Amino acid sequence: MRRKLLCLCLILFTLLTAAPFHSSPPTTVSAHTHLHSNNAALTQTSATPLPVSTRRGQPLWPGSRFTEEARERAILRGLNFIYRTALKPRNFRDYGPDYIWCFYTLSEAFRDEKASSTARRMGLERAHFWRRTHRFVPADADAGLISELAYGDDAATSLGLRDDHLRAQLKRAAPRFKARDYLLFDPRTEPPPSDVPDECEYCGADDNPRGSLVCHVCKHRLVMRTRYDVWYDALITTYVGDRSGITLGAHYVDVLKWLPTLRPYHASRNDPDDAEFYDTVYAIAHIVYTLNNYSQYSLSPNLLPQEFEYLKANLREAIREKEDDMLGEFMDTLRAFGLTTNDPLIRQGMEYYLAHQNGDGSWGDRHEKDIYQRYHPTWNAIAGLSEYTWKSEGLSFPEVKPLLEQWNRSVSSSRRSVAK
């Protein structure tokens, strides 16, 4: 009898402790507040009933084999996958700011309230954790660490978690380094270079000086990064710097002004050098992201006509090659230019994603060891499937609009001259 009572008690205890506890963190708190969150509650989101909608059981469009309900479920499963990977200490140590930025941008852009609130809760929990573990700028911080801290600070602040003390430290520390330290070139005086070595394919060394042809560690030949790759990396860094008021070597407009040197875009998937095609796509996507505050504003195609046409012409390449990561960037940016679910290109992308989601909620290669190559394609797939609530047509930095319009007039004038 005693053994039966003990078993019964254990069963009851298990059932009680298994019940999900839902708590929502406050929207704004001091960076030093300790948040005791229940991570398991967030990972239960996909099991929560979705809001009743008259559209949920209907096809996404006439003839579609997927429903609105399937799309909503796929997005929530994807969010849960990203969050689960973000909870692993090593992953968050390596990519913490990017995870927080992912949840923030999706929470701001989603039209669906459930998906938006889910992404926000996940982002807040991770941002609180990041704040607790990043309170100071180390005395020996290099340019890379200062950039990473600025990125994390901006992402957490965007979610309402300010730390004025850390930001003040970053503002004091940032001027210790020059533009080349942060951006690998000085955009105030030179265009994006093509002599920046990539990480060594043999030993992983990533500190080979610009212009090096062989690795200083293992002496193997180095591969150069494309100028598109170097340029859009600098564009992201200066975007974060100007948003936060922490100048990271140069300003956003210093990098953006070199955009005409990257045009026209010739790279295609059939080129022997695939790297240039990939980097061209990602460069164009990040022009859009940094100009529209990562899917918060819609953009006029008239401001970036060559970029708009290149994206439309090459989206199907991503589907044909099953490039889950790249496809989302195509779809996300084309939506910003005004394409909707009524467009055949967007429909093809959505059908692809809904047919290729992995069992764990992710997209991409499940056997990939680099966690970035697992969660980032999933982030882009979620973006490609989502309907966005655009604030308006606008720009992150309105002061660059005259420059974009000037370039557009120059392109139009050149085309008219050729036509004559």
Protein backbone atom coordinates (compact mmCIF):
# COMPACT_ATOMS: atom_id res chain seq x y z
CA MET A 1 0.00 0.00 0.00
CA ARG A 2 2.79 2.40 0.92
CA ARG A 3 4.47 1.75 -2.45
CA LYS A 4 1.19 2.44 -4.32
CA LEU A 5 0.71 5.73 -2.46
CA LEU A 6 4.27 6.74 -3.28
CA CYS A 7 3.75 5.97 -6.98
CA LEU A 8 0.50 7.95 -6.98
CA CYS A 9 2.25 10.94 -5.42
CA LEU A 10 5.00 10.78 -8.02
CA ILE A 11 2.46 10.69 -10.84
CA LEU A 12 0.58 13.70 -9.45
CA PHE A 13 3.83 15.62 -8.96
CA THR A 14 4.86 14.91 -12.56
CA LEU A 15 1.53 16.09 -13.94
CA LEU A 16 1.60 19.28 -11.90
CA THR A 17 5.15 20.22 -12.82
CA ALA A 18 4.53 19.45 -16.50
CA ALA A 19 1.73 22.01 -16.72
CA PRO A 20 3.00 25.03 -18.70
CA PHE A 21 3.49 28.25 -16.82
CA HIS A 22 2.91 31.31 -18.94
CA SER A 23 4.43 34.57 -17.91
CA SER A 24 5.05 37.64 -20.01
CA PRO A 25 8.14 39.72 -19.25
CA PRO A 26 7.71 43.47 -18.83
CA THR A 27 8.24 45.53 -21.96
CA THR A 28 10.84 47.83 -20.38
CA VAL A 29 13.11 47.23 -17.44
CA SER A 30 16.53 48.28 -16.25
CA ALA A 31 19.38 46.36 -17.84
CA HIS A 32 20.32 45.12 -14.38
CA THR A 33 16.91 43.62 -13.57
CA HIS A 34 16.99 39.82 -13.26
CA LEU A 35 14.22 38.19 -15.22
CA HIS A 36 13.29 34.70 -14.03
CA SER A 37 11.63 33.50 -17.21
CA ASN A 38 10.17 30.12 -17.98
CA ASN A 39 11.84 29.13 -21.24
CA ALA A 40 9.70 26.03 -21.59
CA ALA A 41 6.58 28.17 -21.76
CA LEU A 42 7.87 29.87 -24.90
CA THR A 43 8.68 26.62 -26.61
CA GLN A 44 5.07 25.48 -26.06
CA THR A 45 3.76 28.25 -28.32
CA SER A 46 3.21 26.04 -31.33
CA ALA A 47 0.95 23.80 -29.27
CA THR A 48 -1.32 26.71 -28.30
CA PRO A 49 -4.53 26.94 -30.37
CA LEU A 50 -4.32 29.56 -33.09
CA PRO A 51 -6.83 32.43 -33.19
CA VAL A 52 -10.07 31.62 -34.96
CA SER A 53 -10.05 33.06 -38.45
CA THR A 54 -12.49 32.67 -41.29
CA ARG A 55 -9.50 32.29 -43.65
CA ARG A 56 -7.62 29.58 -41.81
CA GLY A 57 -9.17 26.63 -43.58
CA GLN A 58 -9.22 28.26 -47.00
CA PRO A 59 -6.48 27.91 -49.64
CA LEU A 60 -3.88 30.67 -49.62
CA TRP A 61 -5.14 31.56 -53.09
CA PRO A 62 -7.41 29.78 -55.58
CA GLY A 63 -5.75 26.52 -56.56
CA SER A 64 -3.12 26.54 -53.79
CA ARG A 65 -2.57 23.20 -52.08
CA PHE A 66 -1.81 24.98 -48.77
CA THR A 67 -4.10 26.84 -46.39
CA GLU A 68 -3.70 29.92 -44.24
CA GLU A 69 -3.66 27.58 -41.24
CA ALA A 70 -0.69 25.68 -42.70
CA ARG A 71 1.18 28.94 -43.26
CA GLU A 72 0.55 30.15 -39.70
CA ARG A 73 1.59 26.80 -38.27
CA ALA A 74 4.79 26.73 -40.34
CA ILE A 75 5.79 30.21 -39.13
CA LEU A 76 5.26 29.34 -35.46
CA ARG A 77 7.15 26.06 -35.83
CA GLY A 78 10.01 27.97 -37.41
CA LEU A 79 10.07 30.52 -34.59
CA ASN A 80 10.15 27.74 -32.02
CA PHE A 81 13.09 26.11 -33.80
CA ILE A 82 15.08 29.35 -33.77
CA TYR A 83 14.28 29.93 -30.11
CA ARG A 84 15.32 26.41 -29.12
CA THR A 85 18.69 26.89 -30.79
CA ALA A 86 19.08 30.31 -29.15
CA LEU A 87 18.72 28.71 -25.70
CA LYS A 88 21.87 26.65 -26.20
CA PRO A 89 24.76 28.49 -24.50
CA ARG A 90 27.30 28.00 -27.26
CA ASN A 91 24.92 29.18 -29.99
CA PHE A 92 23.91 32.27 -28.05
CA ARG A 93 27.51 33.03 -27.15
CA ASP A 94 28.42 33.04 -30.85
CA TYR A 95 25.31 34.70 -32.30
CA GLY A 96 23.42 36.31 -29.41
CA PRO A 97 22.95 39.79 -30.96
CA ASP A 98 21.79 38.27 -34.25
CA TYR A 99 19.22 36.10 -32.49
CA ILE A 100 17.82 39.12 -30.62
CA TRP A 101 17.72 41.16 -33.82
CA CYS A 102 15.90 38.29 -35.56
CA PHE A 103 13.14 38.21 -32.95
CA TYR A 104 12.90 42.01 -32.83
CA THR A 105 12.59 42.55 -36.58
CA LEU A 106 10.04 39.78 -37.00
CA SER A 107 7.97 41.03 -34.05
CA GLU A 108 7.85 44.51 -35.59
CA ALA A 109 7.08 43.36 -39.12
CA PHE A 110 4.50 40.57 -38.66
CA ARG A 111 0.91 41.41 -39.50
CA ASP A 112 -0.25 38.35 -37.56
CA GLU A 113 -0.60 39.33 -33.88
CA LYS A 114 0.08 35.85 -32.51
CA ALA A 115 3.33 35.47 -34.45
CA SER A 116 4.33 39.02 -33.53
CA SER A 117 3.73 38.57 -29.80
CA THR A 118 5.48 35.18 -29.85
CA ALA A 119 8.59 36.64 -31.50
CA ARG A 120 8.56 39.55 -29.06
CA ARG A 121 8.38 37.30 -25.98
CA MET A 122 11.24 35.21 -27.30
CA GLY A 123 13.29 38.31 -28.10
CA LEU A 124 12.68 39.88 -24.71
CA GLU A 125 13.72 36.75 -22.84
CA ARG A 126 16.96 36.48 -24.82
CA ALA A 127 17.60 40.23 -24.59
CA HIS A 128 17.26 40.16 -20.80
CA PHE A 129 19.75 37.32 -20.66
CA TRP A 130 22.17 39.17 -22.95
CA ARG A 131 21.90 42.32 -20.81
CA ARG A 132 22.72 40.39 -17.64
CA THR A 133 25.88 38.98 -19.19
CA HIS A 134 27.09 42.09 -21.06
CA ARG A 135 27.29 45.06 -18.72
CA PHE A 136 30.77 46.36 -19.45
CA VAL A 137 33.16 46.93 -22.36
CA PRO A 138 36.38 45.02 -21.55
CA ALA A 139 39.47 47.22 -21.36
CA ASP A 140 41.15 45.11 -24.05
CA ALA A 141 38.15 44.99 -26.41
CA ASP A 142 39.14 45.04 -30.07
CA ALA A 143 37.12 46.53 -32.93
CA GLY A 144 35.30 43.25 -33.55
CA LEU A 145 34.10 42.99 -29.95
CA ILE A 146 33.03 46.63 -29.86
CA SER A 147 30.99 46.10 -33.04
CA GLU A 148 29.39 42.98 -31.57
CA LEU A 149 28.53 44.76 -28.31
CA ALA A 150 27.08 47.71 -30.24
CA TYR A 151 24.95 45.29 -32.28
CA GLY A 152 23.67 43.54 -29.15
CA ASP A 153 23.03 46.83 -27.38
CA ASP A 154 21.06 48.19 -30.33
CA ALA A 155 19.00 44.99 -30.66
CA ALA A 156 18.14 44.91 -26.94
CA THR A 157 17.36 48.64 -26.91
CA SER A 158 15.05 48.17 -29.89
CA LEU A 159 13.01 45.80 -27.73
CA GLY A 160 12.81 48.44 -24.99
CA LEU A 161 15.68 47.24 -22.80
CA ARG A 162 18.04 50.22 -22.54
CA ASP A 163 21.37 50.30 -20.77
CA ASP A 164 22.66 53.87 -20.96
CA HIS A 165 25.76 52.93 -18.97
CA LEU A 166 26.90 50.32 -21.52
CA ARG A 167 26.10 52.62 -24.44
CA ALA A 168 28.17 55.39 -22.90
CA GLN A 169 31.09 52.98 -22.52
CA LEU A 170 30.77 51.95 -26.17
CA LYS A 171 30.74 55.58 -27.32
CA ARG A 172 33.98 56.18 -25.43
CA ALA A 173 35.65 52.99 -26.66
CA ALA A 174 34.65 53.11 -30.36
CA PRO A 175 36.97 55.99 -31.40
CA ARG A 176 40.03 53.95 -30.36
CA PHE A 177 39.85 52.19 -33.73
CA LYS A 178 39.78 53.35 -37.34
CA ALA A 179 37.46 52.60 -40.25
CA ARG A 180 39.67 49.79 -41.56
CA ASP A 181 39.52 48.09 -38.18
CA TYR A 182 35.73 47.98 -38.27
CA LEU A 183 34.98 47.76 -41.99
CA LEU A 184 38.20 46.37 -43.55
CA PHE A 185 38.38 49.47 -45.77
CA ASP A 186 37.87 53.20 -45.36
CA PRO A 187 34.71 54.11 -47.30
CA ARG A 188 35.41 57.81 -46.86
CA THR A 189 38.38 57.57 -49.23
CA GLU A 190 38.15 54.31 -51.24
CA PRO A 191 35.60 52.05 -52.93
CA PRO A 192 34.86 48.50 -51.72
CA PRO A 193 38.08 46.52 -52.26
CA SER A 194 38.60 43.08 -53.77
CA ASP A 195 41.84 42.26 -51.92
CA VAL A 196 40.36 41.31 -48.50
CA PRO A 197 41.21 37.67 -47.68
CA ASP A 198 38.43 35.37 -46.56
CA GLU A 199 38.86 33.05 -43.60
CA CYS A 200 41.52 30.44 -44.42
CA GLU A 201 39.86 27.29 -45.74
CA TYR A 202 42.55 25.09 -44.18
CA CYS A 203 43.25 26.40 -40.68
CA GLY A 204 40.42 28.88 -40.12
CA ALA A 205 42.66 31.91 -39.58
CA ASP A 206 40.58 35.06 -40.07
CA ASP A 207 43.16 37.75 -39.34
CA ASN A 208 45.25 37.69 -42.51
CA PRO A 209 46.12 41.28 -43.52
CA ARG A 210 44.48 42.85 -46.52
CA GLY A 211 46.31 41.95 -49.71
CA SER A 212 47.72 38.68 -48.33
CA LEU A 213 47.80 35.87 -50.89
CA VAL A 214 48.84 33.08 -48.51
CA CYS A 215 47.80 32.39 -44.92
CA HIS A 216 50.30 33.66 -42.37
CA VAL A 217 49.58 30.59 -40.20
CA CYS A 218 49.49 27.56 -42.53
CA LYS A 219 50.88 29.13 -45.74
CA HIS A 220 48.02 27.86 -47.90
CA ARG A 221 46.66 30.06 -50.65
CA LEU A 222 43.83 32.39 -49.60
CA VAL A 223 40.55 33.13 -51.37
CA MET A 224 39.53 36.78 -51.61
CA ARG A 225 36.15 38.05 -50.51
CA THR A 226 34.14 39.73 -53.25
CA ARG A 227 33.75 43.48 -53.08
CA TYR A 228 29.99 42.96 -52.73
CA ASP A 229 30.59 40.91 -49.58
CA VAL A 230 32.93 43.48 -48.03
CA TRP A 231 30.58 46.31 -48.94
CA TYR A 232 27.35 44.94 -47.49
CA ASP A 233 29.13 43.86 -44.31
CA ALA A 234 30.24 47.49 -43.90
CA LEU A 235 26.72 48.68 -44.73
CA ILE A 236 25.28 46.63 -41.84
CA THR A 237 27.96 47.77 -39.40
CA THR A 238 27.48 51.47 -40.14
CA TYR A 239 23.69 51.06 -40.10
CA VAL A 240 23.94 49.75 -36.53
CA GLY A 241 26.45 52.45 -35.61
CA ASP A 242 24.32 55.31 -36.90
CA ARG A 243 21.14 53.89 -35.34
CA SER A 244 22.78 53.71 -31.94
CA GLY A 245 24.91 56.85 -32.14
CA ILE A 246 28.11 54.80 -31.82
CA THR A 247 30.29 55.65 -34.82
CA LEU A 248 31.99 52.46 -35.99
CA GLY A 249 34.70 53.87 -38.22
CA ALA A 250 32.44 55.72 -40.66
CA HIS A 251 28.81 56.59 -41.31
CA TYR A 252 26.15 54.76 -43.29
CA VAL A 253 26.14 57.28 -46.13
CA ASP A 254 29.93 56.88 -46.47
CA VAL A 255 29.35 53.24 -47.42
CA LEU A 256 26.11 53.70 -49.35
CA LYS A 257 27.71 56.28 -51.68
CA TRP A 258 29.71 53.49 -53.37
CA LEU A 259 26.58 51.68 -54.56
CA PRO A 260 26.94 52.94 -58.18
CA THR A 261 30.37 51.27 -58.40
CA LEU A 262 28.68 47.89 -57.85
CA ARG A 263 26.28 48.42 -60.73
CA PRO A 264 25.29 47.05 -63.17
CA TYR A 265 24.77 43.60 -61.74
CA HIS A 266 26.07 40.98 -64.18
CA ALA A 267 26.50 37.95 -61.94
CA SER A 268 24.15 35.03 -62.55
CA ARG A 269 23.80 31.53 -61.15
CA ASN A 270 25.41 30.18 -64.34
CA ASP A 271 28.66 32.04 -63.73
CA PRO A 272 31.66 29.88 -62.80
CA ASP A 273 32.21 32.14 -59.79
CA ASP A 274 29.06 31.45 -57.79
CA ALA A 275 30.36 33.53 -54.88
CA GLU A 276 29.77 36.75 -56.78
CA PHE A 277 26.16 35.80 -57.55
CA TYR A 278 25.43 34.98 -53.92
CA ASP A 279 27.13 38.11 -52.65
CA THR A 280 25.35 40.26 -55.23
CA VAL A 281 21.98 39.00 -54.01
CA TYR A 282 22.87 39.49 -50.35
CA ALA A 283 24.28 42.96 -51.06
CA ILE A 284 21.07 44.03 -52.78
CA ALA A 285 18.95 42.53 -50.02
CA HIS A 286 20.88 44.45 -47.38
CA ILE A 287 20.55 47.70 -49.29
CA VAL A 288 16.81 47.19 -48.88
CA TYR A 289 16.99 46.00 -45.25
CA THR A 290 19.12 48.90 -44.07
CA LEU A 291 17.02 51.42 -45.99
CA ASN A 292 13.64 50.12 -44.81
CA ASN A 293 14.62 49.34 -41.19
CA TYR A 294 14.43 45.61 -41.81
CA SER A 295 10.93 45.33 -43.30
CA GLN A 296 9.26 48.16 -41.39
CA TYR A 297 8.91 50.52 -44.36
CA SER A 298 7.89 49.83 -47.93
CA LEU A 299 10.13 51.21 -50.67
CA SER A 300 9.41 52.67 -54.06
CA PRO A 301 11.00 50.62 -56.87
CA ASN A 302 11.80 53.97 -58.48
CA LEU A 303 14.48 54.57 -55.85
CA LEU A 304 16.33 51.35 -56.66
CA PRO A 305 15.16 50.29 -60.15
CA GLN A 306 18.22 48.18 -61.04
CA GLU A 307 18.09 46.30 -57.75
CA PHE A 308 14.36 45.68 -58.14
CA GLU A 309 14.77 44.28 -61.65
CA TYR A 310 17.70 42.05 -60.64
CA LEU A 311 15.70 40.52 -57.79
CA LYS A 312 12.68 39.82 -60.00
CA ALA A 313 14.86 38.28 -62.71
CA ASN A 314 16.70 35.89 -60.38
CA LEU A 315 14.25 34.72 -57.71
CA ARG A 316 13.44 31.49 -59.54
CA GLU A 317 17.14 30.59 -59.44
CA ALA A 318 16.91 30.28 -55.66
CA ILE A 319 13.94 27.90 -56.00
CA ARG A 320 15.61 25.82 -58.69
CA GLU A 321 18.78 25.47 -56.63
CA LYS A 322 16.81 24.91 -53.39
CA GLU A 323 18.58 27.83 -51.73
CA ASP A 324 16.35 28.17 -48.66
CA ASP A 325 18.34 31.05 -47.19
CA MET A 326 18.65 33.13 -50.32
CA LEU A 327 15.03 32.64 -51.39
CA GLY A 328 13.74 34.38 -48.27
CA GLU A 329 15.91 37.40 -48.95
CA PHE A 330 14.51 37.61 -52.49
CA MET A 331 10.93 37.38 -51.25
CA ASP A 332 11.37 39.68 -48.27
CA THR A 333 12.90 42.47 -50.33
CA LEU A 334 10.50 42.11 -53.26
CA ARG A 335 7.60 42.43 -50.82
CA ALA A 336 9.18 45.68 -49.63
CA PHE A 337 9.02 46.91 -53.24
CA GLY A 338 5.28 46.19 -53.39
CA LEU A 339 4.94 42.60 -54.59
CA THR A 340 2.18 40.74 -52.76
CA THR A 341 0.87 37.21 -52.44
CA ASN A 342 -1.02 37.87 -55.69
CA ASP A 343 2.28 37.88 -57.58
CA PRO A 344 3.32 34.53 -59.16
CA LEU A 345 6.91 34.92 -57.91
CA ILE A 346 5.83 35.28 -54.28
CA ARG A 347 3.39 32.39 -54.64
CA GLN A 348 6.11 30.10 -56.01
CA GLY A 349 8.34 30.94 -53.08
CA MET A 350 5.59 30.33 -50.51
CA GLU A 351 4.67 26.99 -52.09
CA TYR A 352 8.32 25.95 -52.00
CA TYR A 353 8.73 26.81 -48.32
CA LEU A 354 5.52 25.12 -47.22
CA ALA A 355 6.53 21.97 -49.07
CA HIS A 356 10.10 21.86 -47.71
CA GLN A 357 9.91 22.56 -43.98
CA ASN A 358 11.88 20.05 -41.92
CA GLY A 359 10.31 17.94 -39.21
CA ASP A 360 11.98 20.01 -36.48
CA GLY A 361 10.44 23.24 -37.81
CA SER A 362 13.57 24.44 -39.60
CA TRP A 363 14.44 24.96 -43.25
CA GLY A 364 17.69 24.07 -44.96
CA ASP A 365 20.14 21.22 -44.47
CA ARG A 366 19.37 19.40 -41.20
CA HIS A 367 22.88 17.91 -41.21
CA GLU A 368 24.64 21.28 -41.35
CA LYS A 369 26.96 21.65 -38.33
CA ASP A 370 27.20 25.45 -38.37
CA ILE A 371 24.19 26.61 -36.36
CA TYR A 372 24.11 29.90 -38.30
CA GLN A 373 23.38 27.88 -41.43
CA ARG A 374 20.46 26.29 -39.57
CA TYR A 375 18.68 29.22 -37.94
CA HIS A 376 19.36 31.86 -40.61
CA PRO A 377 17.64 29.97 -43.48
CA THR A 378 14.75 29.39 -41.07
CA TRP A 379 14.59 33.12 -40.28
CA ASN A 380 14.50 33.92 -44.00
CA ALA A 381 11.86 31.27 -44.67
CA ILE A 382 9.64 32.78 -41.97
CA ALA A 383 10.16 36.19 -43.56
CA GLY A 384 9.26 34.83 -46.99
CA LEU A 385 6.02 33.31 -45.69
CA SER A 386 4.93 36.31 -43.63
CA GLU A 387 2.49 39.06 -44.39
CA TYR A 388 3.94 42.35 -43.17
CA THR A 389 2.34 45.39 -41.64
CA TRP A 390 4.22 48.22 -43.34
CA LYS A 391 4.29 51.44 -41.34
CA SER A 392 4.40 53.55 -44.49
CA GLU A 393 6.62 54.18 -47.47
CA GLY A 394 9.81 55.61 -46.04
CA LEU A 395 13.51 55.29 -45.31
CA SER A 396 15.55 54.47 -42.22
CA PHE A 397 17.74 57.46 -43.03
CA PRO A 398 15.59 60.01 -44.90
CA GLU A 399 18.64 62.17 -45.58
CA VAL A 400 19.89 59.70 -48.23
CA LYS A 401 16.78 60.04 -50.41
CA PRO A 402 18.19 62.91 -52.55
CA LEU A 403 21.25 60.75 -53.28
CA LEU A 404 19.10 57.80 -54.41
CA GLU A 405 16.98 60.10 -56.58
CA GLN A 406 20.10 61.64 -58.12
CA TRP A 407 21.44 58.21 -59.06
CA ASN A 408 18.09 57.23 -60.53
CA ARG A 409 18.01 60.36 -62.71
CA SER A 410 21.53 59.60 -63.93
CA VAL A 411 20.56 56.04 -64.86
CA SER A 412 17.42 57.22 -66.66
CA SER A 413 19.41 59.84 -68.56
CA SER A 414 22.02 57.27 -69.62
CA ARG A 415 19.34 54.91 -70.88
CA ARG A 416 17.70 57.66 -72.92
CA SER A 417 21.06 58.53 -74.49
CA VAL A 418 21.65 54.88 -75.44
CA ALA A 419 18.13 54.64 -76.91
CA LYS A 420 18.83 57.59 -79.19
